Amino acid sequence: MPNFVLAARHAKPKKTTYEEDPPLSEEGILIEEKVAKLLVKENINIDVIYTSPLLRARQSAEIIAKYVPAPIFVENALGEDFDKNVLLELILNSKEKFMTTCFMGHAPTMAEFVNDLTGFNALPNGLDKSSIAFLEFPNEIAFHKGKLKKIFH
């Protein structure tokens, strides 16, 4: 049975000069809901969502989970201390329990993570806000073994 990974970038936050961790903008919320509805339309199920601790990522994960129900866990390795090895371990340690894992994070690290998972520059222009890269691991879960199937945006 293959495993799947969704590598997502948070939606557009409010423009502000006074908040270090701004919430999503109204536009960001609407676009994230549109992307979540695309996942439903494509029959994408998610078993677990790991999100960056930053507010805009947590809010984006909550919107996805509203449409594609899944438990959400905050993972520091998706935030300022990004660590792709910790993320890979999360997949490996739960591959029997979870078929589809979603990671909600930031630029440029989510695109770099996809590139590491596929073994090539799959996202040369990065990952836009509210975009989700859908990867399949048909056999082995490891860096350079993933296949980029689709980008939702």
Protein backbone atom coordinates (compact mmCIF):
# COMPACT_ATOMS: atom_id res chain seq x y z
CA MET A 1 0.00 0.00 0.00
CA PRO A 2 1.47 3.39 -0.88
CA ASN A 3 1.82 6.24 1.58
CA PHE A 4 1.06 9.85 0.75
CA VAL A 5 2.41 13.18 1.98
CA LEU A 6 0.83 16.57 1.56
CA ALA A 7 3.31 19.42 1.95
CA ALA A 8 1.31 22.61 2.40
CA ARG A 9 2.14 26.28 2.71
CA HIS A 10 -0.06 28.42 4.94
CA ALA A 11 -2.59 30.90 3.55
CA LYS A 12 -2.05 34.63 3.20
CA PRO A 13 -1.78 36.44 6.56
CA LYS A 14 -3.05 39.92 7.36
CA LYS A 15 -0.59 42.67 6.50
CA THR A 16 0.51 44.27 9.71
CA THR A 17 3.48 46.14 11.03
CA TYR A 18 2.86 45.43 14.69
CA GLU A 19 2.26 41.67 14.93
CA GLU A 20 5.11 39.18 14.67
CA ASP A 21 2.69 36.29 14.19
CA PRO A 22 -0.31 37.70 12.29
CA PRO A 23 -3.56 35.78 11.73
CA LEU A 24 -4.86 34.90 8.29
CA SER A 25 -6.42 37.59 6.15
CA GLU A 26 -10.01 37.24 4.93
CA GLU A 27 -8.64 36.57 1.45
CA GLY A 28 -6.31 33.91 2.84
CA ILE A 29 -9.19 32.18 4.62
CA LEU A 30 -11.30 32.11 1.45
CA ILE A 31 -8.48 30.75 -0.69
CA GLU A 32 -7.56 28.09 1.90
CA GLU A 33 -11.21 26.97 2.00
CA LYS A 34 -11.18 26.71 -1.82
CA VAL A 35 -8.08 24.50 -1.69
CA ALA A 36 -9.62 22.34 1.05
CA LYS A 37 -12.70 21.85 -1.13
CA LEU A 38 -10.43 20.74 -3.99
CA LEU A 39 -9.01 18.03 -1.71
CA VAL A 40 -12.56 16.86 -0.98
CA LYS A 41 -13.43 16.89 -4.69
CA GLU A 42 -10.34 14.76 -5.43
CA ASN A 43 -11.25 12.33 -2.60
CA ILE A 44 -8.02 13.05 -0.72
CA ASN A 45 -8.20 11.75 2.83
CA ILE A 46 -5.80 12.93 5.51
CA ASP A 47 -5.01 10.84 8.57
CA VAL A 48 -2.99 13.43 10.49
CA ILE A 49 -1.92 17.06 10.12
CA TYR A 50 1.29 18.42 11.60
CA THR A 51 1.52 22.19 11.67
CA SER A 52 4.05 24.85 12.43
CA PRO A 53 3.44 26.57 15.77
CA LEU A 54 2.93 29.94 14.02
CA LEU A 55 -0.65 31.20 14.02
CA ARG A 56 -1.11 31.50 10.25
CA ALA A 57 -0.06 27.87 9.77
CA ARG A 58 -2.26 26.62 12.64
CA GLN A 59 -5.25 28.51 11.23
CA SER A 60 -4.58 27.11 7.75
CA ALA A 61 -4.39 23.57 9.18
CA GLU A 62 -7.70 24.11 10.98
CA ILE A 63 -9.37 25.12 7.72
CA ILE A 64 -8.07 22.01 5.95
CA ALA A 65 -9.24 19.81 8.85
CA LYS A 66 -12.70 21.42 8.74
CA TYR A 67 -13.18 19.96 5.24
CA VAL A 68 -10.94 16.89 5.46
CA PRO A 69 -11.26 15.84 9.11
CA ALA A 70 -7.96 14.89 10.73
CA PRO A 71 -6.29 15.45 14.11
CA ILE A 72 -3.87 18.38 14.21
CA PHE A 73 -0.57 18.35 16.08
CA VAL A 74 1.79 21.29 16.49
CA GLU A 75 5.31 20.36 15.40
CA ASN A 76 8.21 22.72 16.14
CA ALA A 77 10.24 21.18 13.30
CA LEU A 78 7.87 22.94 10.89
CA GLY A 79 8.53 26.38 12.39
CA GLU A 80 11.59 28.54 12.73
CA ASP A 81 13.69 25.50 13.66
CA PHE A 82 12.71 23.58 10.50
CA ASP A 83 14.12 20.05 10.46
CA LYS A 84 13.32 17.78 7.51
CA ASN A 85 14.77 14.75 9.31
CA VAL A 86 12.26 15.09 12.16
CA LEU A 87 9.44 15.27 9.59
CA LEU A 88 10.66 12.16 7.82
CA GLU A 89 10.82 10.34 11.17
CA LEU A 90 7.19 11.34 11.86
CA ILE A 91 6.16 9.66 8.61
CA LEU A 92 8.30 6.57 9.19
CA ASN A 93 7.16 6.09 12.79
CA SER A 94 3.50 6.18 11.83
CA LYS A 95 3.43 4.71 8.31
CA GLU A 96 1.37 1.69 9.43
CA LYS A 97 -1.14 3.86 11.30
CA PHE A 98 -1.36 6.82 8.91
CA MET A 99 -1.50 6.40 5.14
CA THR A 100 -1.65 10.14 4.43
CA THR A 101 0.26 12.75 6.42
CA CYS A 102 -0.10 16.49 5.90
CA PHE A 103 2.54 19.04 6.91
CA MET A 104 1.56 22.72 7.12
CA GLY A 105 4.50 25.10 7.05
CA HIS A 106 6.21 28.05 5.42
CA ALA A 107 8.34 29.21 2.50
CA PRO A 108 10.92 28.29 1.47
CA THR A 109 11.18 25.21 3.69
CA MET A 110 8.08 23.37 2.44
CA ALA A 111 9.24 23.54 -1.19
CA GLU A 112 12.73 22.45 -0.11
CA PHE A 113 11.15 19.54 1.78
CA VAL A 114 9.29 18.46 -1.38
CA ASN A 115 12.52 18.71 -3.36
CA ASP A 116 14.29 16.53 -0.77
CA LEU A 117 11.46 13.98 -0.79
CA THR A 118 11.46 13.71 -4.59
CA GLY A 119 15.22 13.94 -5.08
CA PHE A 120 15.05 16.71 -7.65
CA ASN A 121 14.02 20.35 -7.98
CA ALA A 122 10.31 19.50 -8.26
CA LEU A 123 9.28 23.01 -7.17
CA PRO A 124 11.83 25.36 -8.79
CA ASN A 125 9.61 28.40 -8.10
CA GLY A 126 8.71 27.38 -4.57
CA LEU A 127 5.24 26.72 -3.17
CA ASP A 128 2.69 29.55 -3.28
CA LYS A 129 0.62 30.48 -0.25
CA SER A 130 -2.36 28.11 0.15
CA SER A 131 -0.74 25.54 -2.14
CA ILE A 132 -0.40 21.86 -1.35
CA ALA A 133 2.03 19.44 -2.98
CA PHE A 134 0.65 15.89 -3.08
CA LEU A 135 3.33 13.19 -3.07
CA GLU A 136 3.13 9.42 -3.30
CA PHE A 137 5.58 6.90 -1.88
CA PRO A 138 4.74 3.70 -3.77
CA ASN A 139 7.32 1.50 -2.03
CA GLU A 140 9.85 2.98 0.37
CA ILE A 141 9.45 6.13 2.45
CA ALA A 142 12.77 7.97 2.23
CA PHE A 143 14.33 11.09 0.80
CA HIS A 144 14.52 10.89 -3.01
CA LYS A 145 11.75 8.22 -3.17
CA GLY A 146 8.62 10.40 -3.39
CA LYS A 147 6.71 11.11 -6.58
CA LEU A 148 5.06 14.49 -6.97
CA LYS A 149 1.53 13.69 -8.16
CA LYS A 150 -0.24 17.05 -8.11
CA ILE A 151 -0.20 20.61 -6.79
CA PHE A 152 -3.42 21.98 -5.33
CA HIS A 153 -3.84 25.76 -5.32
